[in-house]
């Protein structure tokens, strides 16, 4: 049963691209969050964990019919009604009161479908960026990412020359390369914030409230505190079942329904609340970092210097990022491309890569710079 449920998504846990075209924060959206949603879907659709999602009790009517009817037509709670004290879990159960009003619970019929939609929305920026990137990085770094690339002299030289030609060529789309990636990062942040409000609307505008309420009552006494989850995910609710009697008149049956699936739903949505807040915070911080790299050339140099394990001199990195014939937007594209190259290429040949992509006009300006380049490039 486990392999049947999780077999289709198991590759998401261990599958890594040969060439990485994004970053860890990006992967938290399209990989980590999608895995969470798929696992949640498996939980709520697996009968072995919770059995039937609803159990209704009514006199004179078969349970199976009432269960199906109340599941399809939703259950409800009577506002202000309660059997026992507030901690009994029987809030909303009592005589119908037209003045007090009813709260209908329909969302649990759509939880699985909404999870599929949300998973697709988190994966969309990944599809957009992958389509925009077009496999350029994978083509450039073919043969330069594995450990064997250091041992194969001919393959290393050919790969280095290909990277050098592409990086030093005048590309009108270089700026678009960075712009598309930046837009996808913004989409990730906007999406996760939008998902908080979307989930809040789906749960009757209670998602943001119950998340903070749950955290606020965790320190209270277990035997005295009122569980705020019972308001959003009631474990017991009412249902009106009607059928025609022997004389042809309509007979109304007041059913008491137990909703065991809400035990799973509440745990899932608590985790989603915490995950969305965490992901929004991380994505927001990452966007601040991205803005710093846009406005600061020294920041870009330091980032690549650190990514190259400090094996390449900052002056060489700066030369690679300040091409005179490139516009400011194209220089940002140079930075993103060089960062991706540095991140994916074999660390043993990183100096050779940088020595090959330094603009030719800078390679022999003076004896000091020529010595700097010779000291950076490995012996062949």
Protein backbone atom coordinates (compact mmCIF):
# COMPACT_ATOMS: atom_id res chain seq x y z
CA UNK A 1 0.00 0.00 0.00
CA UNK A 2 2.86 2.38 0.85
CA UNK A 3 4.56 1.84 -2.49
CA UNK A 4 1.25 2.34 -4.30
CA UNK A 5 0.65 5.70 -2.62
CA UNK A 6 4.19 7.07 -2.49
CA UNK A 7 5.84 5.28 -5.41
CA UNK A 8 4.86 7.96 -7.90
CA UNK A 9 6.35 10.79 -5.85
CA UNK A 10 9.37 8.99 -4.38
CA UNK A 11 11.60 10.31 -7.17
CA UNK A 12 11.08 13.85 -5.86
CA UNK A 13 12.97 12.90 -2.69
CA UNK A 14 16.15 11.60 -4.31
CA UNK A 15 16.16 12.98 -7.86
CA UNK A 16 18.66 15.78 -8.39
CA UNK A 17 19.36 17.47 -11.69
CA UNK A 18 22.76 16.92 -13.24
CA UNK A 19 23.07 20.70 -13.59
CA UNK A 20 21.30 22.93 -11.06
CA UNK A 21 19.68 25.98 -12.67
CA UNK A 22 18.14 27.51 -9.54
CA UNK A 23 18.89 27.67 -5.79
CA UNK A 24 17.89 26.16 -2.46
CA UNK A 25 15.11 28.67 -1.77
CA UNK A 26 13.66 28.03 -5.22
CA UNK A 27 13.69 24.29 -4.52
CA UNK A 28 11.83 24.78 -1.24
CA UNK A 29 8.90 25.99 -3.35
CA UNK A 30 8.72 23.51 -6.22
CA UNK A 31 10.23 20.48 -4.50
CA UNK A 32 9.74 20.73 -0.74
CA UNK A 33 6.24 22.24 -0.82
CA UNK A 34 5.00 20.00 -3.62
CA UNK A 35 6.18 16.94 -1.67
CA UNK A 36 4.27 18.20 1.38
CA UNK A 37 1.07 18.59 -0.62
CA UNK A 38 1.39 15.20 -2.29
CA UNK A 39 2.00 13.54 1.07
CA UNK A 40 -1.07 15.34 2.46
CA UNK A 41 -3.16 14.12 -0.45
CA UNK A 42 -2.00 10.57 0.21
CA UNK A 43 -2.99 10.89 3.87
CA UNK A 44 -6.50 12.22 3.34
CA UNK A 45 -7.28 9.74 0.55
CA UNK A 46 -5.99 6.65 2.33
CA UNK A 47 -8.75 4.84 4.21
CA UNK A 48 -6.29 2.77 6.21
CA UNK A 49 -5.42 5.81 8.37
CA UNK A 50 -8.86 7.23 9.21
CA UNK A 51 -11.35 4.73 7.77
CA UNK A 52 -14.56 6.34 6.58
CA UNK A 53 -14.30 10.17 6.61
CA UNK A 54 -17.76 10.54 8.20
CA UNK A 55 -19.98 8.51 10.54
CA UNK A 56 -23.57 9.64 11.11
CA UNK A 57 -26.10 8.29 13.57
CA UNK A 58 -29.86 8.53 13.05
CA UNK A 59 -32.73 6.29 14.08
CA UNK A 60 -34.59 4.32 11.44
CA UNK A 61 -32.23 5.00 8.51
CA UNK A 62 -29.32 2.80 7.33
CA UNK A 63 -25.96 4.30 8.27
CA UNK A 64 -24.51 4.00 4.75
CA UNK A 65 -27.22 6.15 3.20
CA UNK A 66 -26.98 8.84 5.87
CA UNK A 67 -23.18 8.90 5.66
CA UNK A 68 -23.24 9.41 1.91
CA UNK A 69 -25.96 12.03 2.08
CA UNK A 70 -24.33 14.11 4.81
CA UNK A 71 -20.92 13.88 3.14
CA UNK A 72 -22.34 15.19 -0.15
CA UNK A 73 -24.64 17.85 1.31
CA UNK A 74 -22.30 18.99 4.11
CA UNK A 75 -22.77 19.19 7.86
CA UNK A 76 -23.34 22.22 10.06
CA UNK A 77 -22.98 23.52 13.61
CA UNK A 78 -25.41 25.64 15.59
CA UNK A 79 -23.76 28.84 16.70
CA UNK A 80 -23.60 29.16 20.47
CA UNK A 81 -24.93 25.64 21.13
CA UNK A 82 -22.89 23.16 23.16
CA UNK A 83 -23.29 19.88 25.00
CA UNK A 84 -21.16 19.88 28.12
CA UNK A 85 -18.40 22.42 28.70
CA UNK A 86 -16.32 24.19 26.05
CA UNK A 87 -13.64 21.49 26.12
CA UNK A 88 -15.97 18.58 25.45
CA UNK A 89 -15.60 18.89 21.69
CA UNK A 90 -19.40 19.08 21.36
CA UNK A 91 -19.62 22.77 20.48
CA UNK A 92 -22.27 23.48 17.86
CA UNK A 93 -24.43 20.52 18.86
CA UNK A 94 -27.91 21.31 20.14
CA UNK A 95 -31.42 22.28 19.04
CA UNK A 96 -31.60 24.27 15.81
CA UNK A 97 -31.87 27.98 16.44
CA UNK A 98 -32.83 30.14 13.47
CA UNK A 99 -31.86 33.32 15.27
CA UNK A 100 -28.41 32.12 16.27
CA UNK A 101 -27.69 30.81 12.79
CA UNK A 102 -25.72 27.87 11.43
CA UNK A 103 -22.12 27.40 10.34
CA UNK A 104 -21.88 24.98 7.42
CA UNK A 105 -18.81 22.81 6.90
CA UNK A 106 -18.30 22.13 3.20
CA UNK A 107 -14.56 22.56 2.75
CA UNK A 108 -13.58 18.95 3.61
CA UNK A 109 -15.18 17.71 0.38
CA UNK A 110 -12.68 19.79 -1.63
CA UNK A 111 -9.48 19.49 0.39
CA UNK A 112 -7.84 16.98 -1.96
CA UNK A 113 -8.70 18.98 -5.07
CA UNK A 114 -7.45 22.21 -3.53
CA UNK A 115 -4.17 20.53 -2.54
CA UNK A 116 -3.64 19.46 -6.15
CA UNK A 117 -4.30 23.02 -7.32
CA UNK A 118 -1.93 24.49 -4.74
CA UNK A 119 0.82 22.02 -5.60
CA UNK A 120 0.52 23.03 -9.25
CA UNK A 121 0.73 26.72 -8.34
CA UNK A 122 3.94 26.14 -6.40
CA UNK A 123 5.45 24.22 -9.31
CA UNK A 124 4.46 26.79 -11.96
CA UNK A 125 7.43 29.18 -11.45
CA UNK A 126 9.77 26.20 -11.86
CA UNK A 127 8.16 25.31 -15.20
CA UNK A 128 8.34 28.94 -16.28
CA UNK A 129 12.03 29.28 -15.44
CA UNK A 130 12.99 25.89 -16.89
CA UNK A 131 11.26 26.78 -20.16
CA UNK A 132 12.91 30.20 -20.22
CA UNK A 133 16.38 28.83 -19.41
CA UNK A 134 16.07 26.36 -22.28
CA UNK A 135 18.83 24.00 -21.15
CA UNK A 136 21.62 26.51 -21.87
CA UNK A 137 23.56 25.74 -18.70
CA UNK A 138 23.33 21.98 -19.19
CA UNK A 139 24.70 22.30 -22.72
CA UNK A 140 27.54 24.59 -21.64
CA UNK A 141 28.68 22.46 -18.72
CA UNK A 142 28.37 19.06 -20.36
CA UNK A 143 31.41 17.10 -19.21
CA UNK A 144 32.56 19.72 -16.67
CA UNK A 145 30.46 18.80 -13.65
CA UNK A 146 31.68 15.29 -12.86
CA UNK A 147 34.88 14.32 -11.08
CA UNK A 148 36.16 12.67 -14.27
CA UNK A 149 36.23 16.05 -16.03
CA UNK A 150 39.43 16.93 -14.17
CA UNK A 151 41.12 13.77 -15.38
CA UNK A 152 40.17 14.12 -19.05
CA UNK A 153 42.44 16.83 -20.44
CA UNK A 154 40.86 17.05 -23.91
CA UNK A 155 37.31 17.14 -22.61
CA UNK A 156 38.26 19.77 -20.06
CA UNK A 157 39.86 22.01 -22.71
CA UNK A 158 36.91 21.71 -25.08
CA UNK A 159 34.43 22.45 -22.31
CA UNK A 160 36.42 25.44 -21.07
CA UNK A 161 36.64 26.88 -24.58
CA UNK A 162 32.89 26.47 -25.08
CA UNK A 163 32.15 28.28 -21.82
CA UNK A 164 34.62 31.04 -22.72
CA UNK A 165 33.13 31.60 -26.18
CA UNK A 166 29.59 31.72 -24.89
CA UNK A 167 30.35 33.94 -21.91
CA UNK A 168 32.40 36.46 -23.90
CA UNK A 169 29.98 36.63 -26.82
CA UNK A 170 27.63 39.59 -27.13
CA UNK A 171 24.16 38.32 -26.18
CA UNK A 172 21.15 40.58 -26.37
CA UNK A 173 19.24 38.00 -24.29
CA UNK A 174 21.78 37.94 -21.45
CA UNK A 175 19.82 40.56 -19.54
CA UNK A 176 16.59 38.68 -20.18
CA UNK A 177 18.21 35.59 -18.65
CA UNK A 178 18.59 37.40 -15.33
CA UNK A 179 15.28 39.22 -15.59
CA UNK A 180 13.31 36.00 -16.13
CA UNK A 181 14.96 34.35 -13.14
CA UNK A 182 14.31 37.38 -10.93
CA UNK A 183 10.65 37.43 -11.99
CA UNK A 184 10.31 33.75 -11.09
CA UNK A 185 11.79 34.44 -7.65
CA UNK A 186 9.27 37.22 -7.16
CA UNK A 187 6.51 34.85 -8.30
CA UNK A 188 7.61 32.37 -5.64
CA UNK A 189 7.27 35.00 -2.92
CA UNK A 190 3.97 36.37 -4.24
CA UNK A 191 2.60 32.85 -4.58
CA UNK A 192 3.37 31.73 -1.02
CA UNK A 193 1.88 34.94 0.42
CA UNK A 194 -1.13 34.52 -1.86
CA UNK A 195 -1.50 30.91 -0.72
CA UNK A 196 -1.92 32.09 2.87
CA UNK A 197 -4.84 34.31 1.88
CA UNK A 198 -6.24 31.69 -0.51
CA UNK A 199 -6.22 29.03 2.22
CA UNK A 200 -7.73 31.53 4.64
CA UNK A 201 -10.60 32.14 2.20
CA UNK A 202 -11.03 28.39 1.60
CA UNK A 203 -11.40 27.74 5.35
CA UNK A 204 -13.96 30.49 5.82
CA UNK A 205 -11.42 33.21 6.71
CA UNK A 206 -10.20 31.34 9.77
CA UNK A 207 -6.81 30.03 8.63
CA UNK A 208 -4.69 33.02 9.70
CA UNK A 209 -6.66 33.33 12.94
CA UNK A 210 -6.52 29.71 14.07
CA UNK A 211 -2.81 29.51 13.28
CA UNK A 212 -1.98 32.25 15.76
CA UNK A 213 -4.61 30.97 18.22
CA UNK A 214 -3.13 27.47 18.27
CA UNK A 215 0.31 28.85 19.05
CA UNK A 216 -1.09 31.12 21.77
CA UNK A 217 -2.84 28.33 23.72
CA UNK A 218 -0.05 25.76 23.63
CA UNK A 219 1.28 26.94 26.99
CA UNK A 220 -2.12 26.80 28.72
CA UNK A 221 -3.25 23.87 30.86
CA UNK A 222 -4.32 20.94 28.68
CA UNK A 223 -7.40 20.27 30.86
CA UNK A 224 -8.57 23.88 30.87
CA UNK A 225 -7.73 25.39 27.50
CA UNK A 226 -10.26 25.73 24.69
CA UNK A 227 -9.02 24.11 21.50
CA UNK A 228 -9.38 26.70 18.69
CA UNK A 229 -9.13 23.93 16.11
CA UNK A 230 -12.61 22.73 17.02
CA UNK A 231 -14.03 25.92 15.54
CA UNK A 232 -12.45 25.29 12.14
CA UNK A 233 -12.29 21.50 12.13
CA UNK A 234 -15.22 20.23 14.21
CA UNK A 235 -15.04 16.58 15.12
CA UNK A 236 -18.82 16.38 15.71
CA UNK A 237 -21.47 18.16 13.65
CA UNK A 238 -25.14 17.97 12.68
CA UNK A 239 -26.91 16.97 9.48
CA UNK A 240 -30.54 17.05 8.41
CA UNK A 241 -31.64 13.97 6.46
CA UNK A 242 -35.09 14.03 4.88
CA UNK A 243 -37.09 11.21 3.33
CA UNK A 244 -40.73 10.45 2.52
CA UNK A 245 -42.68 8.51 5.12
CA UNK A 246 -45.30 5.76 4.58
CA UNK A 247 -48.08 8.30 4.01
CA UNK A 248 -46.07 10.36 1.55
CA UNK A 249 -45.21 13.20 3.91
CA UNK A 250 -41.65 14.46 4.25
CA UNK A 251 -39.95 13.23 7.42
CA UNK A 252 -36.95 15.15 8.77
CA UNK A 253 -34.24 13.26 10.66
CA UNK A 254 -31.71 15.08 12.84
CA UNK A 255 -28.40 13.21 12.47
CA UNK A 256 -25.31 13.42 14.66
CA UNK A 257 -22.13 13.04 12.56
CA UNK A 258 -18.57 12.31 13.63
CA UNK A 259 -15.87 13.61 11.25
CA UNK A 260 -12.65 11.63 11.89
CA UNK A 261 -11.02 13.11 8.77
CA UNK A 262 -10.88 16.48 10.49
CA UNK A 263 -8.35 15.00 12.91
CA UNK A 264 -6.02 14.59 9.91
CA UNK A 265 -7.08 17.87 8.32
CA UNK A 266 -6.26 19.95 11.38
CA UNK A 267 -2.75 18.50 11.68
CA UNK A 268 -2.10 19.09 7.99
CA UNK A 269 -3.28 22.70 8.11
CA UNK A 270 -1.31 23.47 11.28
CA UNK A 271 1.83 22.27 9.49
CA UNK A 272 0.90 24.21 6.34
CA UNK A 273 0.42 27.37 8.41
CA UNK A 274 3.89 27.05 9.92
CA UNK A 275 5.41 26.06 6.58
CA UNK A 276 3.85 28.98 4.70
CA UNK A 277 5.05 31.47 7.31
CA UNK A 278 8.55 29.99 7.25
CA UNK A 279 8.68 29.88 3.45
CA UNK A 280 7.37 33.45 3.09
CA UNK A 281 9.98 34.70 5.56
CA UNK A 282 12.84 32.87 3.84
CA UNK A 283 11.68 34.00 0.40
CA UNK A 284 11.38 37.60 1.58
CA UNK A 285 14.90 37.56 3.00
CA UNK A 286 16.17 36.02 -0.23
CA UNK A 287 14.56 38.80 -2.27
CA UNK A 288 16.37 41.35 -0.10
CA UNK A 289 19.62 39.52 -0.84
CA UNK A 290 18.76 39.53 -4.56
CA UNK A 291 18.15 43.28 -4.50
CA UNK A 292 21.54 43.77 -2.83
CA UNK A 293 23.25 41.84 -5.61
CA UNK A 294 21.44 44.01 -8.17
CA UNK A 295 22.59 47.34 -6.70
CA UNK A 296 26.06 46.34 -5.46
CA UNK A 297 28.86 45.21 -7.77
CA UNK A 298 31.11 44.33 -4.82
CA UNK A 299 28.33 42.15 -3.43
CA UNK A 300 28.21 40.20 -6.69
CA UNK A 301 31.98 39.78 -6.66
CA UNK A 302 31.98 38.56 -3.04
CA UNK A 303 29.15 36.09 -3.71
CA UNK A 304 30.97 34.45 -6.60
CA UNK A 305 34.27 34.56 -4.70
CA UNK A 306 32.67 32.66 -1.81
CA UNK A 307 30.93 30.24 -4.19
CA UNK A 308 34.29 29.47 -5.84
CA UNK A 309 35.68 28.51 -2.40
CA UNK A 310 37.96 31.56 -2.59
CA UNK A 311 40.11 29.87 -5.19
CA UNK A 312 39.76 32.74 -7.67
CA UNK A 313 41.07 36.25 -7.07
CA UNK A 314 38.39 38.93 -6.67
CA UNK A 315 40.09 41.11 -9.31
CA UNK A 316 39.58 38.41 -11.94
CA UNK A 317 35.94 37.99 -10.92
CA UNK A 318 35.43 41.74 -11.12
CA UNK A 319 36.92 41.81 -14.63
CA UNK A 320 34.51 39.10 -15.73
CA UNK A 321 31.54 41.07 -14.44
CA UNK A 322 32.42 44.51 -15.86
CA UNK A 323 32.48 44.11 -19.61
CA UNK A 324 32.46 47.50 -21.27
CA UNK A 325 30.24 46.43 -24.17
CA UNK A 326 27.52 45.06 -21.86
CA UNK A 327 24.65 47.13 -20.47
CA UNK A 328 23.91 47.10 -16.70
CA UNK A 329 21.15 44.55 -17.23
CA UNK A 330 23.45 42.34 -19.30
CA UNK A 331 26.06 42.53 -16.55
CA UNK A 332 23.46 41.19 -14.14
CA UNK A 333 22.94 38.37 -16.62
CA UNK A 334 26.71 37.80 -16.63
CA UNK A 335 26.63 37.56 -12.84
CA UNK A 336 23.80 35.01 -12.77
CA UNK A 337 25.38 32.91 -15.51
CA UNK A 338 28.81 33.01 -13.88
CA UNK A 339 27.29 32.14 -10.51
CA UNK A 340 25.49 29.15 -12.02
CA UNK A 341 28.68 28.03 -13.76
CA UNK A 342 30.69 28.34 -10.54
CA UNK A 343 28.07 26.42 -8.59
CA UNK A 344 27.93 23.48 -11.01
CA UNK A 345 31.43 23.09 -12.40
CA UNK A 346 33.98 20.74 -10.89
CA UNK A 347 35.85 22.74 -8.18
CA UNK A 348 39.18 21.35 -9.39
CA UNK A 349 38.94 23.24 -12.67
CA UNK A 350 37.28 26.43 -11.47
CA UNK A 351 40.47 28.48 -11.90
CA UNK A 352 40.82 27.32 -15.46
CA UNK A 353 37.23 28.33 -16.18
CA UNK A 354 37.80 31.86 -14.90
CA UNK A 355 41.12 32.21 -16.72
CA UNK A 356 39.32 31.35 -19.95
CA UNK A 357 36.41 33.77 -19.58
CA UNK A 358 38.36 36.90 -18.63
CA UNK A 359 37.90 39.37 -21.53
CA UNK A 360 40.83 39.15 -23.97
CA UNK A 361 41.39 42.91 -23.82
CA UNK A 362 42.38 42.54 -20.17
CA UNK A 363 44.68 39.56 -20.48
CA UNK A 364 47.88 41.40 -21.36
CA UNK A 365 47.42 44.96 -20.19
CA UNK A 366 50.48 44.85 -17.99
CA UNK A 367 52.91 42.42 -16.43
CA UNK A 368 51.15 42.43 -13.08
CA UNK A 369 47.78 41.35 -14.52
CA UNK A 370 49.38 38.72 -16.75
CA UNK A 371 51.13 37.26 -13.71
CA UNK A 372 47.83 37.24 -11.85
CA UNK A 373 46.17 35.24 -14.62
CA UNK A 374 49.06 32.79 -14.86
CA UNK A 375 48.95 32.18 -11.13
CA UNK A 376 45.21 31.52 -11.30
CA UNK A 377 45.20 29.02 -14.16
CA UNK A 378 46.28 25.43 -13.40
CA UNK A 379 49.13 23.80 -15.22
CA UNK A 380 48.03 21.69 -18.17
